[in-house]
Amino acid sequence: MRKYSHINWSEIARNAIIERIKIEEHILNEKINSNLLKEAIEIQDRIRSKTSINKSWSSTEEIRKWRETRK
């Protein structure tokens, strides 16, 4: 570092730390997003399994029923 005393080493270190923090925050956000996605998929699968058990239930009929109640 003494050999290159014209370089602002504290600025280089600060920028390196800032960049590393950005990388870590991005990784954390990706993990959070993937966990939320996994949770949403599990909820959707549970709902789907409930409707597939009852073969007489029709989503189309259910939608029509609720639309008729609004009129």
PDB file of N, CA and C in Angstrom:
ATOM      1  N   MET A   1       0.824  -1.185   0.000  1.00  0.00           N
ATOM      2  CA  MET A   1       0.000   0.000   0.000  1.00  0.00           C
ATOM      3  C   MET A   1       0.877   1.260   0.000  1.00  0.00           C
ATOM      4  N   ARG A   2       2.003   1.175   0.662  1.00  0.00           N
ATOM      5  CA  ARG A   2       2.903   2.337   0.669  1.00  0.00           C
ATOM      6  C   ARG A   2       3.429   2.613  -0.736  1.00  0.00           C
ATOM      7  N   LYS A   3       3.651   1.540  -1.482  1.00  0.00           N
ATOM      8  CA  LYS A   3       4.171   1.699  -2.836  1.00  0.00           C
ATOM      9  C   LYS A   3       3.189   2.488  -3.704  1.00  0.00           C
ATOM     10  N   TYR A   4       1.896   2.332  -3.412  1.00  0.00           N
ATOM     11  CA  TYR A   4       0.848   3.015  -4.181  1.00  0.00           C
ATOM     12  C   TYR A   4       0.128   4.019  -3.288  1.00  0.00           C
ATOM     13  N   SER A   5       0.896   4.905  -2.714  1.00  0.00           N
ATOM     14  CA  SER A   5       0.335   5.868  -1.752  1.00  0.00           C
ATOM     15  C   SER A   5      -0.615   6.863  -2.409  1.00  0.00           C
ATOM     16  N   HIS A   6      -0.573   6.982  -3.711  1.00  0.00           N
ATOM     17  CA  HIS A   6      -1.479   7.891  -4.406  1.00  0.00           C
ATOM     18  C   HIS A   6      -2.911   7.346  -4.478  1.00  0.00           C
ATOM     19  N   ILE A   7      -3.068   6.086  -4.154  1.00  0.00           N
ATOM     20  CA  ILE A   7      -4.397   5.461  -4.188  1.00  0.00           C
ATOM     21  C   ILE A   7      -5.096   5.695  -2.864  1.00  0.00           C
ATOM     22  N   ASN A   8      -6.370   6.068  -2.942  1.00  0.00           N
ATOM     23  CA  ASN A   8      -7.182   6.271  -1.742  1.00  0.00           C
ATOM     24  C   ASN A   8      -7.713   4.896  -1.301  1.00  0.00           C
ATOM     25  N   TRP A   9      -6.960   4.226  -0.453  1.00  0.00           N
ATOM     26  CA  TRP A   9      -7.286   2.858  -0.054  1.00  0.00           C
ATOM     27  C   TRP A   9      -8.572   2.777   0.765  1.00  0.00           C
ATOM     28  N   SER A  10      -8.845   3.785   1.546  1.00  0.00           N
ATOM     29  CA  SER A  10     -10.083   3.744   2.337  1.00  0.00           C
ATOM     30  C   SER A  10     -11.305   3.806   1.423  1.00  0.00           C
ATOM     31  N   GLU A  11     -11.206   4.547   0.332  1.00  0.00           N
ATOM     32  CA  GLU A  11     -12.311   4.610  -0.621  1.00  0.00           C
ATOM     33  C   GLU A  11     -12.491   3.256  -1.316  1.00  0.00           C
ATOM     34  N   ILE A  12     -11.401   2.627  -1.676  1.00  0.00           N
ATOM     35  CA  ILE A  12     -11.478   1.314  -2.318  1.00  0.00           C
ATOM     36  C   ILE A  12     -12.089   0.293  -1.356  1.00  0.00           C
ATOM     37  N   ALA A  13     -11.663   0.305  -0.110  1.00  0.00           N
ATOM     38  CA  ALA A  13     -12.212  -0.618   0.888  1.00  0.00           C
ATOM     39  C   ALA A  13     -13.694  -0.336   1.104  1.00  0.00           C
ATOM     40  N   ARG A  14     -14.051   0.947   1.212  1.00  0.00           N
ATOM     41  CA  ARG A  14     -15.456   1.323   1.415  1.00  0.00           C
ATOM     42  C   ARG A  14     -16.309   0.841   0.255  1.00  0.00           C
ATOM     43  N   ASN A  15     -15.846   1.050  -0.974  1.00  0.00           N
ATOM     44  CA  ASN A  15     -16.608   0.600  -2.153  1.00  0.00           C
ATOM     45  C   ASN A  15     -16.724  -0.919  -2.200  1.00  0.00           C
ATOM     46  N   ALA A  16     -15.668  -1.604  -1.825  1.00  0.00           N
ATOM     47  CA  ALA A  16     -15.714  -3.073  -1.809  1.00  0.00           C
ATOM     48  C   ALA A  16     -16.723  -3.568  -0.771  1.00  0.00           C
ATOM     49  N   ILE A  17     -16.754  -2.923   0.377  1.00  0.00           N
ATOM     50  CA  ILE A  17     -17.707  -3.306   1.428  1.00  0.00           C
ATOM     51  C   ILE A  17     -19.131  -3.029   0.969  1.00  0.00           C
ATOM     52  N   ILE A  18     -19.362  -1.877   0.361  1.00  0.00           N
ATOM     53  CA  ILE A  18     -20.700  -1.535  -0.143  1.00  0.00           C
ATOM     54  C   ILE A  18     -21.150  -2.554  -1.180  1.00  0.00           C
ATOM     55  N   GLU A  19     -20.276  -2.917  -2.106  1.00  0.00           N
ATOM     56  CA  GLU A  19     -20.626  -3.907  -3.126  1.00  0.00           C
ATOM     57  C   GLU A  19     -20.953  -5.260  -2.500  1.00  0.00           C
ATOM     58  N   ARG A  20     -20.177  -5.654  -1.497  1.00  0.00           N
ATOM     59  CA  ARG A  20     -20.436  -6.943  -0.843  1.00  0.00           C
ATOM     60  C   ARG A  20     -21.772  -6.928  -0.114  1.00  0.00           C
ATOM     61  N   ILE A  21     -22.099  -5.811   0.513  1.00  0.00           N
ATOM     62  CA  ILE A  21     -23.395  -5.684   1.189  1.00  0.00           C
ATOM     63  C   ILE A  21     -24.526  -5.802   0.175  1.00  0.00           C
ATOM     64  N   LYS A  22     -24.369  -5.174  -0.989  1.00  0.00           N
ATOM     65  CA  LYS A  22     -25.389  -5.279  -2.038  1.00  0.00           C
ATOM     66  C   LYS A  22     -25.580  -6.734  -2.472  1.00  0.00           C
ATOM     67  N   ILE A  23     -24.482  -7.446  -2.628  1.00  0.00           N
ATOM     68  CA  ILE A  23     -24.554  -8.859  -3.021  1.00  0.00           C
ATOM     69  C   ILE A  23     -25.276  -9.676  -1.950  1.00  0.00           C
ATOM     70  N   GLU A  24     -24.921  -9.453  -0.686  1.00  0.00           N
ATOM     71  CA  GLU A  24     -25.553 -10.197   0.411  1.00  0.00           C
ATOM     72  C   GLU A  24     -27.040  -9.877   0.510  1.00  0.00           C
ATOM     73  N   GLU A  25     -27.410  -8.615   0.325  1.00  0.00           N
ATOM     74  CA  GLU A  25     -28.828  -8.232   0.365  1.00  0.00           C
ATOM     75  C   GLU A  25     -29.584  -8.877  -0.783  1.00  0.00           C
ATOM     76  N   HIS A  26     -28.964  -8.936  -1.954  1.00  0.00           N
ATOM     77  CA  HIS A  26     -29.602  -9.581  -3.101  1.00  0.00           C
ATOM     78  C   HIS A  26     -29.826 -11.069  -2.830  1.00  0.00           C
ATOM     79  N   ILE A  27     -28.823 -11.716  -2.276  1.00  0.00           N
ATOM     80  CA  ILE A  27     -28.938 -13.142  -1.946  1.00  0.00           C
ATOM     81  C   ILE A  27     -30.057 -13.352  -0.918  1.00  0.00           C
ATOM     82  N   LEU A  28     -30.104 -12.503   0.090  1.00  0.00           N
ATOM     83  CA  LEU A  28     -31.143 -12.611   1.115  1.00  0.00           C
ATOM     84  C   LEU A  28     -32.523 -12.411   0.514  1.00  0.00           C
ATOM     85  N   ASN A  29     -32.669 -11.405  -0.353  1.00  0.00           N
ATOM     86  CA  ASN A  29     -33.964 -11.157  -0.998  1.00  0.00           C
ATOM     87  C   ASN A  29     -34.383 -12.326  -1.861  1.00  0.00           C
ATOM     88  N   GLU A  30     -33.432 -12.939  -2.560  1.00  0.00           N
ATOM     89  CA  GLU A  30     -33.754 -14.105  -3.379  1.00  0.00           C
ATOM     90  C   GLU A  30     -34.243 -15.260  -2.512  1.00  0.00           C
ATOM     91  N   LYS A  31     -33.610 -15.465  -1.355  1.00  0.00           N
ATOM     92  CA  LYS A  31     -34.030 -16.533  -0.447  1.00  0.00           C
ATOM     93  C   LYS A  31     -35.427 -16.250   0.077  1.00  0.00           C
ATOM     94  N   ILE A  32     -35.690 -14.999   0.461  1.00  0.00           N
ATOM     95  CA  ILE A  32     -37.016 -14.632   0.959  1.00  0.00           C
ATOM     96  C   ILE A  32     -38.053 -14.845  -0.132  1.00  0.00           C
ATOM     97  N   ASN A  33     -37.751 -14.387  -1.356  1.00  0.00           N
ATOM     98  CA  ASN A  33     -38.691 -14.544  -2.461  1.00  0.00           C
ATOM     99  C   ASN A  33     -38.931 -16.013  -2.775  1.00  0.00           C
ATOM    100  N   SER A  34     -37.883 -16.830  -2.734  1.00  0.00           N
ATOM    101  CA  SER A  34     -38.087 -18.242  -3.041  1.00  0.00           C
ATOM    102  C   SER A  34     -38.873 -18.929  -1.925  1.00  0.00           C
ATOM    103  N   ASN A  35     -38.661 -18.517  -0.667  1.00  0.00           N
ATOM    104  CA  ASN A  35     -39.444 -19.083   0.432  1.00  0.00           C
ATOM    105  C   ASN A  35     -40.909 -18.694   0.313  1.00  0.00           C
ATOM    106  N   LEU A  36     -41.184 -17.443  -0.047  1.00  0.00           N
ATOM    107  CA  LEU A  36     -42.568 -17.011  -0.244  1.00  0.00           C
ATOM    108  C   LEU A  36     -43.209 -17.758  -1.403  1.00  0.00           C
ATOM    109  N   LEU A  37     -42.454 -17.968  -2.458  1.00  0.00           N
ATOM    110  CA  LEU A  37     -42.971 -18.706  -3.605  1.00  0.00           C
ATOM    111  C   LEU A  37     -43.291 -20.145  -3.222  1.00  0.00           C
ATOM    112  N   LYS A  38     -42.394 -20.789  -2.483  1.00  0.00           N
ATOM    113  CA  LYS A  38     -42.635 -22.165  -2.041  1.00  0.00           C
ATOM    114  C   LYS A  38     -43.882 -22.240  -1.165  1.00  0.00           C
ATOM    115  N   GLU A  39     -44.036 -21.272  -0.267  1.00  0.00           N
ATOM    116  CA  GLU A  39     -45.211 -21.250   0.614  1.00  0.00           C
ATOM    117  C   GLU A  39     -46.485 -21.068  -0.202  1.00  0.00           C
ATOM    118  N   ALA A  40     -46.456 -20.181  -1.189  1.00  0.00           N
ATOM    119  CA  ALA A  40     -47.632 -19.960  -2.034  1.00  0.00           C
ATOM    120  C   ALA A  40     -47.986 -21.218  -2.818  1.00  0.00           C
ATOM    121  N   ILE A  41     -46.981 -21.919  -3.311  1.00  0.00           N
ATOM    122  CA  ILE A  41     -47.224 -23.155  -4.058  1.00  0.00           C
ATOM    123  C   ILE A  41     -47.850 -24.212  -3.154  1.00  0.00           C
ATOM    124  N   GLU A  42     -47.360 -24.319  -1.921  1.00  0.00           N
ATOM    125  CA  GLU A  42     -47.926 -25.287  -0.975  1.00  0.00           C
ATOM    126  C   GLU A  42     -49.384 -24.964  -0.671  1.00  0.00           C
ATOM    127  N   ILE A  43     -49.702 -23.700  -0.474  1.00  0.00           N
ATOM    128  CA  ILE A  43     -51.087 -23.298  -0.213  1.00  0.00           C
ATOM    129  C   ILE A  43     -51.956 -23.629  -1.415  1.00  0.00           C
ATOM    130  N   GLN A  44     -51.469 -23.303  -2.602  1.00  0.00           N
ATOM    131  CA  GLN A  44     -52.218 -23.581  -3.819  1.00  0.00           C
ATOM    132  C   GLN A  44     -52.454 -25.089  -3.977  1.00  0.00           C
ATOM    133  N   ASP A  45     -51.451 -25.899  -3.689  1.00  0.00           N
ATOM    134  CA  ASP A  45     -51.604 -27.355  -3.793  1.00  0.00           C
ATOM    135  C   ASP A  45     -52.626 -27.877  -2.790  1.00  0.00           C
ATOM    136  N   ARG A  46     -52.629 -27.327  -1.568  1.00  0.00           N
ATOM    137  CA  ARG A  46     -53.626 -27.754  -0.575  1.00  0.00           C
ATOM    138  C   ARG A  46     -55.040 -27.414  -1.042  1.00  0.00           C
ATOM    139  N   ILE A  47     -55.199 -26.220  -1.591  1.00  0.00           N
ATOM    140  CA  ILE A  47     -56.524 -25.819  -2.078  1.00  0.00           C
ATOM    141  C   ILE A  47     -56.939 -26.711  -3.240  1.00  0.00           C
ATOM    142  N   ARG A  48     -56.017 -26.955  -4.142  1.00  0.00           N
ATOM    143  CA  ARG A  48     -56.322 -27.784  -5.305  1.00  0.00           C
ATOM    144  C   ARG A  48     -56.697 -29.205  -4.878  1.00  0.00           C
ATOM    145  N   SER A  49     -56.001 -29.747  -3.888  1.00  0.00           N
ATOM    146  CA  SER A  49     -56.301 -31.112  -3.457  1.00  0.00           C
ATOM    147  C   SER A  49     -57.690 -31.199  -2.829  1.00  0.00           C
ATOM    148  N   LYS A  50     -58.117 -30.141  -2.156  1.00  0.00           N
ATOM    149  CA  LYS A  50     -59.459 -30.136  -1.566  1.00  0.00           C
ATOM    150  C   LYS A  50     -60.528 -30.152  -2.651  1.00  0.00           C
ATOM    151  N   THR A  51     -60.303 -29.414  -3.736  1.00  0.00           N
ATOM    152  CA  THR A  51     -61.311 -29.371  -4.794  1.00  0.00           C
ATOM    153  C   THR A  51     -61.290 -30.626  -5.651  1.00  0.00           C
ATOM    154  N   SER A  52     -60.138 -31.278  -5.762  1.00  0.00           N
ATOM    155  CA  SER A  52     -60.087 -32.482  -6.589  1.00  0.00           C
ATOM    156  C   SER A  52     -60.723 -33.673  -5.875  1.00  0.00           C
ATOM    157  N   ILE A  53     -60.846 -33.615  -4.556  1.00  0.00           N
ATOM    158  CA  ILE A  53     -61.489 -34.694  -3.802  1.00  0.00           C
ATOM    159  C   ILE A  53     -62.985 -34.716  -4.108  1.00  0.00           C
ATOM    160  N   ASN A  54     -63.589 -33.524  -4.170  1.00  0.00           N
ATOM    161  CA  ASN A  54     -65.014 -33.412  -4.424  1.00  0.00           C
ATOM    162  C   ASN A  54     -65.232 -33.273  -5.927  1.00  0.00           C
ATOM    163  N   LYS A  55     -65.477 -34.390  -6.613  1.00  0.00           N
ATOM    164  CA  LYS A  55     -65.602 -34.384  -8.075  1.00  0.00           C
ATOM    165  C   LYS A  55     -66.870 -33.687  -8.551  1.00  0.00           C
ATOM    166  N   SER A  56     -67.861 -33.546  -7.682  1.00  0.00           N
ATOM    167  CA  SER A  56     -69.104 -32.906  -8.102  1.00  0.00           C
ATOM    168  C   SER A  56     -69.000 -31.384  -8.077  1.00  0.00           C
ATOM    169  N   TRP A  57     -67.944 -30.835  -7.500  1.00  0.00           N
ATOM    170  CA  TRP A  57     -67.776 -29.389  -7.427  1.00  0.00           C
ATOM    171  C   TRP A  57     -67.245 -28.865  -8.748  1.00  0.00           C
ATOM    172  N   SER A  58     -67.833 -27.797  -9.241  1.00  0.00           N
ATOM    173  CA  SER A  58     -67.405 -27.207 -10.502  1.00  0.00           C
ATOM    174  C   SER A  58     -67.071 -25.745 -10.270  1.00  0.00           C
ATOM    175  N   SER A  59     -65.879 -25.370 -10.649  1.00  0.00           N
ATOM    176  CA  SER A  59     -65.469 -23.972 -10.472  1.00  0.00           C
ATOM    177  C   SER A  59     -66.338 -23.041 -11.312  1.00  0.00           C
ATOM    178  N   THR A  60     -66.696 -23.476 -12.500  1.00  0.00           N
ATOM    179  CA  THR A  60     -67.539 -22.660 -13.377  1.00  0.00           C
ATOM    180  C   THR A  60     -68.892 -22.408 -12.738  1.00  0.00           C
ATOM    181  N   GLU A  61     -69.485 -23.452 -12.196  1.00  0.00           N
ATOM    182  CA  GLU A  61     -70.782 -23.295 -11.534  1.00  0.00           C
ATOM    183  C   GLU A  61     -70.670 -22.398 -10.305  1.00  0.00           C
ATOM    184  N   GLU A  62     -69.582 -22.528  -9.582  1.00  0.00           N
ATOM    185  CA  GLU A  62     -69.367 -21.700  -8.388  1.00  0.00           C
ATOM    186  C   GLU A  62     -69.254 -20.223  -8.755  1.00  0.00           C
ATOM    187  N   ILE A  63     -68.527 -19.935  -9.810  1.00  0.00           N
ATOM    188  CA  ILE A  63     -68.391 -18.552 -10.268  1.00  0.00           C
ATOM    189  C   ILE A  63     -69.730 -18.000 -10.705  1.00  0.00           C
ATOM    190  N   ARG A  64     -70.477 -18.774 -11.466  1.00  0.00           N
ATOM    191  CA  ARG A  64     -71.806 -18.328 -11.913  1.00  0.00           C
ATOM    192  C   ARG A  64     -72.728 -18.069 -10.727  1.00  0.00           C
ATOM    193  N   LYS A  65     -72.661 -18.956  -9.730  1.00  0.00           N
ATOM    194  CA  LYS A  65     -73.496 -18.787  -8.532  1.00  0.00           C
ATOM    195  C   LYS A  65     -73.198 -17.461  -7.851  1.00  0.00           C
ATOM    196  N   TRP A  66     -71.945 -17.145  -7.664  1.00  0.00           N
ATOM    197  CA  TRP A  66     -71.575 -15.905  -6.984  1.00  0.00           C
ATOM    198  C   TRP A  66     -71.872 -14.681  -7.828  1.00  0.00           C
ATOM    199  N   ARG A  67     -71.738 -14.803  -9.127  1.00  0.00           N
ATOM    200  CA  ARG A  67     -72.087 -13.678 -10.002  1.00  0.00           C
ATOM    201  C   ARG A  67     -73.578 -13.390  -9.944  1.00  0.00           C
ATOM    202  N   GLU A  68     -74.369 -14.449  -9.867  1.00  0.00           N
ATOM    203  CA  GLU A  68     -75.832 -14.270  -9.788  1.00  0.00           C
ATOM    204  C   GLU A  68     -76.238 -13.591  -8.472  1.00  0.00           C
ATOM    205  N   THR A  69     -75.509 -13.847  -7.419  1.00  0.00           N
ATOM    206  CA  THR A  69     -75.864 -13.223  -6.123  1.00  0.00           C
ATOM    207  C   THR A  69     -75.587 -11.728  -6.120  1.00  0.00           C
ATOM    208  N   ARG A  70     -74.704 -11.271  -6.995  1.00  0.00           N
ATOM    209  CA  ARG A  70     -74.387  -9.839  -7.069  1.00  0.00           C
ATOM    210  C   ARG A  70     -75.450  -9.059  -7.813  1.00  0.00           C
ATOM    211  N   LYS A  71     -76.225  -9.723  -8.645  1.00  0.00           N
ATOM    212  CA  LYS A  71     -77.232  -9.013  -9.470  1.00  0.00           C
ATOM    213  C   LYS A  71     -78.416  -8.586  -8.671  1.00  0.00           C
TER     214      LYS A  71
END
